[in-house]
Amino acid sequence: MRLAFVLSFLTGAYSVSVSGPEKVISHTKGNVTVQCKYDKSYTDHVKYWCKVNKLLPCTKLVSTSEDTHSRITIRDNKTEGAFYITMTDLTKDDEGQY
């Protein structure tokens, strides 16, 4: 079974300029790593990985101030101006927008 990870980023007054892949596809029980680049003026800011939820705008899964959350890790490479999210042992519940 394939899972489609559609990445969307908030826009507006409180958003940060972030670029990453529009869509990432993987298999259940597989792993995926996503690179998101950001403007270097945000080097020292905390980065978050959230999943879009129908009831809430976004459910925080992990942040750079808390490296790991079960099967999800986030790593900030401040020299590159990019953070990396790795999700392991994917399930059907992981499908969705982030």
PDB file of N, CA and C in Angstrom:
ATOM      1  N   MET A   1       0.837  -1.174   0.000  1.00  0.00           N
ATOM      2  CA  MET A   1       0.000   0.000   0.000  1.00  0.00           C
ATOM      3  C   MET A   1       0.883   1.238   0.000  1.00  0.00           C
ATOM      4  N   ARG A   2       0.516   2.236  -0.772  1.00  0.00           N
ATOM      5  CA  ARG A   2       1.274   3.479  -0.839  1.00  0.00           C
ATOM      6  C   ARG A   2       0.623   4.534   0.035  1.00  0.00           C
ATOM      7  N   LEU A   3       1.450   5.336   0.656  1.00  0.00           N
ATOM      8  CA  LEU A   3       0.991   6.471   1.444  1.00  0.00           C
ATOM      9  C   LEU A   3       1.498   7.730   0.776  1.00  0.00           C
ATOM     10  N   ALA A   4       0.647   8.703   0.622  1.00  0.00           N
ATOM     11  CA  ALA A   4       1.067   9.968   0.040  1.00  0.00           C
ATOM     12  C   ALA A   4       1.175  11.003   1.146  1.00  0.00           C
ATOM     13  N   PHE A   5       2.334  11.594   1.277  1.00  0.00           N
ATOM     14  CA  PHE A   5       2.548  12.647   2.247  1.00  0.00           C
ATOM     15  C   PHE A   5       2.528  13.964   1.493  1.00  0.00           C
ATOM     16  N   VAL A   6       1.465  14.709   1.647  1.00  0.00           N
ATOM     17  CA  VAL A   6       1.348  15.988   0.972  1.00  0.00           C
ATOM     18  C   VAL A   6       1.762  17.068   1.960  1.00  0.00           C
ATOM     19  N   LEU A   7       2.804  17.765   1.635  1.00  0.00           N
ATOM     20  CA  LEU A   7       3.321  18.797   2.520  1.00  0.00           C
ATOM     21  C   LEU A   7       2.735  20.136   2.133  1.00  0.00           C
ATOM     22  N   SER A   8       2.154  20.808   3.098  1.00  0.00           N
ATOM     23  CA  SER A   8       1.668  22.160   2.852  1.00  0.00           C
ATOM     24  C   SER A   8       2.142  23.046   3.984  1.00  0.00           C
ATOM     25  N   PHE A   9       2.421  24.293   3.670  1.00  0.00           N
ATOM     26  CA  PHE A   9       2.948  25.212   4.658  1.00  0.00           C
ATOM     27  C   PHE A   9       2.002  26.391   4.787  1.00  0.00           C
ATOM     28  N   LEU A  10       1.807  26.835   6.027  1.00  0.00           N
ATOM     29  CA  LEU A  10       0.920  27.957   6.289  1.00  0.00           C
ATOM     30  C   LEU A  10       1.470  29.215   5.649  1.00  0.00           C
ATOM     31  N   THR A  11       0.575  30.042   5.158  1.00  0.00           N
ATOM     32  CA  THR A  11       0.987  31.333   4.619  1.00  0.00           C
ATOM     33  C   THR A  11       0.293  32.419   5.419  1.00  0.00           C
ATOM     34  N   GLY A  12       0.843  33.600   5.413  1.00  0.00           N
ATOM     35  CA  GLY A  12       0.237  34.707   6.137  1.00  0.00           C
ATOM     36  C   GLY A  12       1.236  35.407   7.022  1.00  0.00           C
ATOM     37  N   ALA A  13       0.726  36.245   7.922  1.00  0.00           N
ATOM     38  CA  ALA A  13       1.571  37.110   8.738  1.00  0.00           C
ATOM     39  C   ALA A  13       2.510  36.341   9.646  1.00  0.00           C
ATOM     40  N   TYR A  14       2.127  35.144  10.093  1.00  0.00           N
ATOM     41  CA  TYR A  14       2.948  34.415  11.054  1.00  0.00           C
ATOM     42  C   TYR A  14       3.761  33.295  10.415  1.00  0.00           C
ATOM     43  N   SER A  15       3.756  33.211   9.114  1.00  0.00           N
ATOM     44  CA  SER A  15       4.456  32.106   8.466  1.00  0.00           C
ATOM     45  C   SER A  15       5.927  32.433   8.248  1.00  0.00           C
ATOM     46  N   VAL A  16       6.692  31.392   8.085  1.00  0.00           N
ATOM     47  CA  VAL A  16       8.111  31.500   7.779  1.00  0.00           C
ATOM     48  C   VAL A  16       8.286  30.952   6.378  1.00  0.00           C
ATOM     49  N   SER A  17       9.162  31.541   5.613  1.00  0.00           N
ATOM     50  CA  SER A  17       9.399  31.053   4.267  1.00  0.00           C
ATOM     51  C   SER A  17      10.125  29.712   4.339  1.00  0.00           C
ATOM     52  N   VAL A  18       9.399  28.655   3.991  1.00  0.00           N
ATOM     53  CA  VAL A  18       9.933  27.296   4.019  1.00  0.00           C
ATOM     54  C   VAL A  18       9.654  26.660   2.675  1.00  0.00           C
ATOM     55  N   SER A  19      10.635  25.939   2.149  1.00  0.00           N
ATOM     56  CA  SER A  19      10.396  25.216   0.903  1.00  0.00           C
ATOM     57  C   SER A  19      10.761  23.754   1.102  1.00  0.00           C
ATOM     58  N   GLY A  20       9.966  22.898   0.500  1.00  0.00           N
ATOM     59  CA  GLY A  20      10.186  21.462   0.568  1.00  0.00           C
ATOM     60  C   GLY A  20       9.397  20.801  -0.537  1.00  0.00           C
ATOM     61  N   PRO A  21       9.454  19.496  -0.608  1.00  0.00           N
ATOM     62  CA  PRO A  21       8.714  18.798  -1.659  1.00  0.00           C
ATOM     63  C   PRO A  21       7.211  18.966  -1.465  1.00  0.00           C
ATOM     64  N   GLU A  22       6.489  19.037  -2.566  1.00  0.00           N
ATOM     65  CA  GLU A  22       5.033  19.151  -2.497  1.00  0.00           C
ATOM     66  C   GLU A  22       4.403  17.839  -2.059  1.00  0.00           C
ATOM     67  N   LYS A  23       5.001  16.731  -2.487  1.00  0.00           N
ATOM     68  CA  LYS A  23       4.437  15.415  -2.200  1.00  0.00           C
ATOM     69  C   LYS A  23       5.552  14.405  -2.032  1.00  0.00           C
ATOM     70  N   VAL A  24       5.402  13.535  -1.050  1.00  0.00           N
ATOM     71  CA  VAL A  24       6.352  12.450  -0.827  1.00  0.00           C
ATOM     72  C   VAL A  24       5.543  11.169  -0.741  1.00  0.00           C
ATOM     73  N   ILE A  25       5.964  10.144  -1.464  1.00  0.00           N
ATOM     74  CA  ILE A  25       5.232   8.878  -1.486  1.00  0.00           C
ATOM     75  C   ILE A  25       6.124   7.770  -0.940  1.00  0.00           C
ATOM     76  N   SER A  26       5.538   6.942  -0.071  1.00  0.00           N
ATOM     77  CA  SER A  26       6.265   5.820   0.497  1.00  0.00           C
ATOM     78  C   SER A  26       5.307   4.664   0.724  1.00  0.00           C
ATOM     79  N   HIS A  27       5.819   3.539   1.178  1.00  0.00           N
ATOM     80  CA  HIS A  27       5.026   2.349   1.457  1.00  0.00           C
ATOM     81  C   HIS A  27       4.827   2.197   2.960  1.00  0.00           C
ATOM     82  N   THR A  28       3.740   1.510   3.342  1.00  0.00           N
ATOM     83  CA  THR A  28       3.564   1.207   4.759  1.00  0.00           C
ATOM     84  C   THR A  28       4.774   0.398   5.221  1.00  0.00           C
ATOM     85  N   LYS A  29       5.158   0.597   6.457  1.00  0.00           N
ATOM     86  CA  LYS A  29       6.325  -0.003   7.090  1.00  0.00           C
ATOM     87  C   LYS A  29       7.639   0.550   6.547  1.00  0.00           C
ATOM     88  N   GLY A  30       7.547   1.501   5.606  1.00  0.00           N
ATOM     89  CA  GLY A  30       8.749   2.130   5.058  1.00  0.00           C
ATOM     90  C   GLY A  30       9.171   3.330   5.886  1.00  0.00           C
ATOM     91  N   ASN A  31      10.188   4.008   5.403  1.00  0.00           N
ATOM     92  CA  ASN A  31      10.709   5.215   6.044  1.00  0.00           C
ATOM     93  C   ASN A  31      10.747   6.329   5.018  1.00  0.00           C
ATOM     94  N   VAL A  32      10.683   7.556   5.491  1.00  0.00           N
ATOM     95  CA  VAL A  32      10.788   8.699   4.592  1.00  0.00           C
ATOM     96  C   VAL A  32      11.542   9.814   5.315  1.00  0.00           C
ATOM     97  N   THR A  33      12.404  10.517   4.566  1.00  0.00           N
ATOM     98  CA  THR A  33      13.086  11.699   5.087  1.00  0.00           C
ATOM     99  C   THR A  33      12.760  12.866   4.175  1.00  0.00           C
ATOM    100  N   VAL A  34      12.362  13.976   4.783  1.00  0.00           N
ATOM    101  CA  VAL A  34      11.971  15.169   4.039  1.00  0.00           C
ATOM    102  C   VAL A  34      12.908  16.307   4.420  1.00  0.00           C
ATOM    103  N   GLN A  35      13.406  17.025   3.414  1.00  0.00           N
ATOM    104  CA  GLN A  35      14.245  18.192   3.648  1.00  0.00           C
ATOM    105  C   GLN A  35      13.402  19.442   3.426  1.00  0.00           C
ATOM    106  N   CYS A  36      13.458  20.370   4.372  1.00  0.00           N
ATOM    107  CA  CYS A  36      12.781  21.660   4.253  1.00  0.00           C
ATOM    108  C   CYS A  36      13.815  22.762   4.439  1.00  0.00           C
ATOM    109  N   LYS A  37      13.933  23.623   3.457  1.00  0.00           N
ATOM    110  CA  LYS A  37      14.889  24.725   3.522  1.00  0.00           C
ATOM    111  C   LYS A  37      14.188  25.969   4.065  1.00  0.00           C
ATOM    112  N   TYR A  38      14.953  26.805   4.779  1.00  0.00           N
ATOM    113  CA  TYR A  38      14.398  28.037   5.323  1.00  0.00           C
ATOM    114  C   TYR A  38      15.394  29.174   5.155  1.00  0.00           C
ATOM    115  N   ASP A  39      14.892  30.390   5.245  1.00  0.00           N
ATOM    116  CA  ASP A  39      15.717  31.579   5.155  1.00  0.00           C
ATOM    117  C   ASP A  39      16.674  31.616   6.353  1.00  0.00           C
ATOM    118  N   LYS A  40      17.924  31.945   6.098  1.00  0.00           N
ATOM    119  CA  LYS A  40      18.934  31.915   7.163  1.00  0.00           C
ATOM    120  C   LYS A  40      18.646  32.878   8.312  1.00  0.00           C
ATOM    121  N   SER A  41      17.747  33.828   8.119  1.00  0.00           N
ATOM    122  CA  SER A  41      17.390  34.728   9.219  1.00  0.00           C
ATOM    123  C   SER A  41      16.630  33.986  10.319  1.00  0.00           C
ATOM    124  N   TYR A  42      16.193  32.762  10.034  1.00  0.00           N
ATOM    125  CA  TYR A  42      15.473  31.947  11.015  1.00  0.00           C
ATOM    126  C   TYR A  42      16.343  30.833  11.607  1.00  0.00           C
ATOM    127  N   THR A  43      17.653  30.968  11.468  1.00  0.00           N
ATOM    128  CA  THR A  43      18.584  29.942  11.932  1.00  0.00           C
ATOM    129  C   THR A  43      18.374  29.560  13.392  1.00  0.00           C
ATOM    130  N   ASP A  44      18.177  30.524  14.245  1.00  0.00           N
ATOM    131  CA  ASP A  44      18.078  30.240  15.678  1.00  0.00           C
ATOM    132  C   ASP A  44      16.645  30.012  16.172  1.00  0.00           C
ATOM    133  N   HIS A  45      15.688  29.957  15.278  1.00  0.00           N
ATOM    134  CA  HIS A  45      14.295  29.715  15.656  1.00  0.00           C
ATOM    135  C   HIS A  45      14.025  28.215  15.785  1.00  0.00           C
ATOM    136  N   VAL A  46      13.082  27.867  16.631  1.00  0.00           N
ATOM    137  CA  VAL A  46      12.643  26.473  16.748  1.00  0.00           C
ATOM    138  C   VAL A  46      11.817  26.122  15.512  1.00  0.00           C
ATOM    139  N   LYS A  47      12.075  24.933  14.953  1.00  0.00           N
ATOM    140  CA  LYS A  47      11.306  24.449  13.802  1.00  0.00           C
ATOM    141  C   LYS A  47      10.357  23.354  14.292  1.00  0.00           C
ATOM    142  N   TYR A  48       9.164  23.301  13.677  1.00  0.00           N
ATOM    143  CA  TYR A  48       8.130  22.351  14.077  1.00  0.00           C
ATOM    144  C   TYR A  48       7.709  21.482  12.905  1.00  0.00           C
ATOM    145  N   TRP A  49       7.305  20.259  13.183  1.00  0.00           N
ATOM    146  CA  TRP A  49       6.695  19.353  12.204  1.00  0.00           C
ATOM    147  C   TRP A  49       5.299  19.049  12.733  1.00  0.00           C
ATOM    148  N   CYS A  50       4.307  19.446  11.970  1.00  0.00           N
ATOM    149  CA  CYS A  50       2.911  19.327  12.393  1.00  0.00           C
ATOM    150  C   CYS A  50       2.117  18.571  11.349  1.00  0.00           C
ATOM    151  N   LYS A  51       1.053  17.934  11.792  1.00  0.00           N
ATOM    152  CA  LYS A  51       0.129  17.270  10.883  1.00  0.00           C
ATOM    153  C   LYS A  51      -1.175  18.047  10.886  1.00  0.00           C
ATOM    154  N   VAL A  52      -1.690  18.323   9.683  1.00  0.00           N
ATOM    155  CA  VAL A  52      -2.961  19.029   9.549  1.00  0.00           C
ATOM    156  C   VAL A  52      -4.069  18.117  10.056  1.00  0.00           C
ATOM    157  N   ASN A  53      -4.951  18.704  10.842  1.00  0.00           N
ATOM    158  CA  ASN A  53      -6.028  17.971  11.489  1.00  0.00           C
ATOM    159  C   ASN A  53      -7.343  18.651  11.118  1.00  0.00           C
ATOM    160  N   LYS A  54      -8.395  17.897  10.900  1.00  0.00           N
ATOM    161  CA  LYS A  54      -9.687  18.487  10.524  1.00  0.00           C
ATOM    162  C   LYS A  54     -10.249  19.384  11.621  1.00  0.00           C
ATOM    163  N   LEU A  55     -10.007  19.040  12.878  1.00  0.00           N
ATOM    164  CA  LEU A  55     -10.565  19.809  13.987  1.00  0.00           C
ATOM    165  C   LEU A  55      -9.667  20.955  14.427  1.00  0.00           C
ATOM    166  N   LEU A  56      -8.356  20.778  14.307  1.00  0.00           N
ATOM    167  CA  LEU A  56      -7.383  21.793  14.705  1.00  0.00           C
ATOM    168  C   LEU A  56      -6.559  22.181  13.488  1.00  0.00           C
ATOM    169  N   PRO A  57      -6.032  23.399  13.460  1.00  0.00           N
ATOM    170  CA  PRO A  57      -5.227  23.789  12.303  1.00  0.00           C
ATOM    171  C   PRO A  57      -3.989  22.907  12.117  1.00  0.00           C
ATOM    172  N   CYS A  58      -3.373  22.518  13.239  1.00  0.00           N
ATOM    173  CA  CYS A  58      -2.135  21.754  13.133  1.00  0.00           C
ATOM    174  C   CYS A  58      -1.842  21.084  14.467  1.00  0.00           C
ATOM    175  N   THR A  59      -1.476  19.813  14.427  1.00  0.00           N
ATOM    176  CA  THR A  59      -1.084  19.085  15.626  1.00  0.00           C
ATOM    177  C   THR A  59       0.426  18.915  15.597  1.00  0.00           C
ATOM    178  N   LYS A  60       1.121  19.523  16.566  1.00  0.00           N
ATOM    179  CA  LYS A  60       2.584  19.442  16.604  1.00  0.00           C
ATOM    180  C   LYS A  60       2.999  18.018  16.934  1.00  0.00           C
ATOM    181  N   LEU A  61       3.867  17.462  16.099  1.00  0.00           N
ATOM    182  CA  LEU A  61       4.387  16.114  16.305  1.00  0.00           C
ATOM    183  C   LEU A  61       5.776  16.135  16.924  1.00  0.00           C
ATOM    184  N   VAL A  62       6.598  17.079  16.504  1.00  0.00           N
ATOM    185  CA  VAL A  62       7.977  17.161  16.987  1.00  0.00           C
ATOM    186  C   VAL A  62       8.508  18.561  16.674  1.00  0.00           C
ATOM    187  N   SER A  63       9.484  18.986  17.449  1.00  0.00           N
ATOM    188  CA  SER A  63      10.139  20.268  17.177  1.00  0.00           C
ATOM    189  C   SER A  63      11.638  20.113  17.408  1.00  0.00           C
ATOM    190  N   THR A  64      12.392  21.110  16.951  1.00  0.00           N
ATOM    191  CA  THR A  64      13.841  21.039  17.123  1.00  0.00           C
ATOM    192  C   THR A  64      14.247  21.211  18.580  1.00  0.00           C
ATOM    193  N   SER A  65      13.329  21.648  19.434  1.00  0.00           N
ATOM    194  CA  SER A  65      13.647  21.718  20.860  1.00  0.00           C
ATOM    195  C   SER A  65      13.384  20.382  21.556  1.00  0.00           C
ATOM    196  N   GLU A  66      12.696  19.470  20.867  1.00  0.00           N
ATOM    197  CA  GLU A  66      12.432  18.104  21.344  1.00  0.00           C
ATOM    198  C   GLU A  66      12.718  17.174  20.182  1.00  0.00           C
ATOM    199  N   ASP A  67      13.943  16.710  20.057  1.00  0.00           N
ATOM    200  CA  ASP A  67      14.395  15.970  18.871  1.00  0.00           C
ATOM    201  C   ASP A  67      13.493  14.846  18.376  1.00  0.00           C
ATOM    202  N   THR A  68      12.998  14.013  19.260  1.00  0.00           N
ATOM    203  CA  THR A  68      12.349  12.785  18.820  1.00  0.00           C
ATOM    204  C   THR A  68      10.968  12.619  19.440  1.00  0.00           C
ATOM    205  N   HIS A  69      10.097  12.048  18.684  1.00  0.00           N
ATOM    206  CA  HIS A  69       8.772  11.673  19.178  1.00  0.00           C
ATOM    207  C   HIS A  69       8.435  10.332  18.548  1.00  0.00           C
ATOM    208  N   SER A  70       8.634   9.280  19.263  1.00  0.00           N
ATOM    209  CA  SER A  70       8.377   7.908  18.817  1.00  0.00           C
ATOM    210  C   SER A  70       9.053   7.620  17.490  1.00  0.00           C
ATOM    211  N   ARG A  71       8.331   7.621  16.392  1.00  0.00           N
ATOM    212  CA  ARG A  71       8.888   7.241  15.086  1.00  0.00           C
ATOM    213  C   ARG A  71       9.298   8.437  14.242  1.00  0.00           C
ATOM    214  N   ILE A  72       9.255   9.643  14.828  1.00  0.00           N
ATOM    215  CA  ILE A  72       9.546  10.854  14.058  1.00  0.00           C
ATOM    216  C   ILE A  72      10.725  11.594  14.687  1.00  0.00           C
ATOM    217  N   THR A  73      11.702  11.947  13.860  1.00  0.00           N
ATOM    218  CA  THR A  73      12.822  12.754  14.338  1.00  0.00           C
ATOM    219  C   THR A  73      12.947  14.001  13.470  1.00  0.00           C
ATOM    220  N   ILE A  74      13.488  15.048  14.060  1.00  0.00           N
ATOM    221  CA  ILE A  74      13.739  16.290  13.333  1.00  0.00           C
ATOM    222  C   ILE A  74      15.157  16.733  13.655  1.00  0.00           C
ATOM    223  N   ARG A  75      15.869  17.175  12.631  1.00  0.00           N
ATOM    224  CA  ARG A  75      17.261  17.610  12.799  1.00  0.00           C
ATOM    225  C   ARG A  75      17.443  18.913  12.027  1.00  0.00           C
ATOM    226  N   ASP A  76      17.967  19.912  12.681  1.00  0.00           N
ATOM    227  CA  ASP A  76      18.181  21.224  12.072  1.00  0.00           C
ATOM    228  C   ASP A  76      19.650  21.389  11.710  1.00  0.00           C
ATOM    229  N   ASN A  77      19.935  21.576  10.429  1.00  0.00           N
ATOM    230  CA  ASN A  77      21.298  21.857   9.976  1.00  0.00           C
ATOM    231  C   ASN A  77      21.378  23.360   9.720  1.00  0.00           C
ATOM    232  N   LYS A  78      21.818  24.087  10.718  1.00  0.00           N
ATOM    233  CA  LYS A  78      21.844  25.551  10.644  1.00  0.00           C
ATOM    234  C   LYS A  78      22.823  26.072   9.601  1.00  0.00           C
ATOM    235  N   THR A  79      23.872  25.320   9.326  1.00  0.00           N
ATOM    236  CA  THR A  79      24.836  25.726   8.298  1.00  0.00           C
ATOM    237  C   THR A  79      24.185  25.710   6.920  1.00  0.00           C
ATOM    238  N   GLU A  80      23.387  24.689   6.646  1.00  0.00           N
ATOM    239  CA  GLU A  80      22.695  24.563   5.355  1.00  0.00           C
ATOM    240  C   GLU A  80      21.454  25.426   5.275  1.00  0.00           C
ATOM    241  N   GLY A  81      20.872  25.773   6.420  1.00  0.00           N
ATOM    242  CA  GLY A  81      19.579  26.465   6.420  1.00  0.00           C
ATOM    243  C   GLY A  81      18.479  25.496   6.038  1.00  0.00           C
ATOM    244  N   ALA A  82      18.540  24.281   6.607  1.00  0.00           N
ATOM    245  CA  ALA A  82      17.550  23.252   6.290  1.00  0.00           C
ATOM    246  C   ALA A  82      17.315  22.378   7.516  1.00  0.00           C
ATOM    247  N   PHE A  83      16.074  21.901   7.642  1.00  0.00           N
ATOM    248  CA  PHE A  83      15.812  20.898   8.664  1.00  0.00           C
ATOM    249  C   PHE A  83      15.294  19.644   7.982  1.00  0.00           C
ATOM    250  N   TYR A  84      15.525  18.514   8.641  1.00  0.00           N
ATOM    251  CA  TYR A  84      15.207  17.209   8.078  1.00  0.00           C
ATOM    252  C   TYR A  84      14.269  16.468   9.028  1.00  0.00           C
ATOM    253  N   ILE A  85      13.197  15.934   8.486  1.00  0.00           N
ATOM    254  CA  ILE A  85      12.249  15.145   9.256  1.00  0.00           C
ATOM    255  C   ILE A  85      12.330  13.716   8.744  1.00  0.00           C
ATOM    256  N   THR A  86      12.506  12.766   9.653  1.00  0.00           N
ATOM    257  CA  THR A  86      12.494  11.353   9.282  1.00  0.00           C
ATOM    258  C   THR A  86      11.341  10.681  10.011  1.00  0.00           C
ATOM    259  N   MET A  87      10.506   9.990   9.242  1.00  0.00           N
ATOM    260  CA  MET A  87       9.392   9.214   9.788  1.00  0.00           C
ATOM    261  C   MET A  87       9.669   7.760   9.444  1.00  0.00           C
ATOM    262  N   THR A  88       9.612   6.882  10.458  1.00  0.00           N
ATOM    263  CA  THR A  88       9.937   5.475  10.256  1.00  0.00           C
ATOM    264  C   THR A  88       8.723   4.598  10.505  1.00  0.00           C
ATOM    265  N   ASP A  89       8.794   3.373   9.995  1.00  0.00           N
ATOM    266  CA  ASP A  89       7.751   2.364  10.206  1.00  0.00           C
ATOM    267  C   ASP A  89       6.368   2.949   9.919  1.00  0.00           C
ATOM    268  N   LEU A  90       6.208   3.503   8.720  1.00  0.00           N
ATOM    269  CA  LEU A  90       4.992   4.219   8.338  1.00  0.00           C
ATOM    270  C   LEU A  90       3.751   3.333   8.396  1.00  0.00           C
ATOM    271  N   THR A  91       2.641   3.961   8.771  1.00  0.00           N
ATOM    272  CA  THR A  91       1.343   3.280   8.817  1.00  0.00           C
ATOM    273  C   THR A  91       0.340   4.087   8.000  1.00  0.00           C
ATOM    274  N   LYS A  92      -0.823   3.505   7.802  1.00  0.00           N
ATOM    275  CA  LYS A  92      -1.902   4.199   7.081  1.00  0.00           C
ATOM    276  C   LYS A  92      -2.266   5.508   7.788  1.00  0.00           C
ATOM    277  N   ASP A  93      -2.173   5.541   9.106  1.00  0.00           N
ATOM    278  CA  ASP A  93      -2.489   6.752   9.875  1.00  0.00           C
ATOM    279  C   ASP A  93      -1.526   7.899   9.605  1.00  0.00           C
ATOM    280  N   ASP A  94      -0.356   7.619   9.043  1.00  0.00           N
ATOM    281  CA  ASP A  94       0.611   8.664   8.737  1.00  0.00           C
ATOM    282  C   ASP A  94       0.257   9.417   7.455  1.00  0.00           C
ATOM    283  N   GLU A  95      -0.635   8.872   6.664  1.00  0.00           N
ATOM    284  CA  GLU A  95      -1.035   9.508   5.425  1.00  0.00           C
ATOM    285  C   GLU A  95      -1.706  10.855   5.730  1.00  0.00           C
ATOM    286  N   GLY A  96      -1.421  11.873   4.930  1.00  0.00           N
ATOM    287  CA  GLY A  96      -2.084  13.141   5.117  1.00  0.00           C
ATOM    288  C   GLY A  96      -1.206  14.326   4.822  1.00  0.00           C
ATOM    289  N   GLN A  97      -1.659  15.490   5.272  1.00  0.00           N
ATOM    290  CA  GLN A  97      -0.945  16.744   5.046  1.00  0.00           C
ATOM    291  C   GLN A  97      -0.161  17.123   6.289  1.00  0.00           C
ATOM    292  N   TYR A  98       1.048  17.631   6.045  1.00  0.00           N
ATOM    293  CA  TYR A  98       1.945  18.033   7.128  1.00  0.00           C
ATOM    294  C   TYR A  98       2.401  19.454   6.939  1.00  0.00           C
TER     295      TYR A  98
END
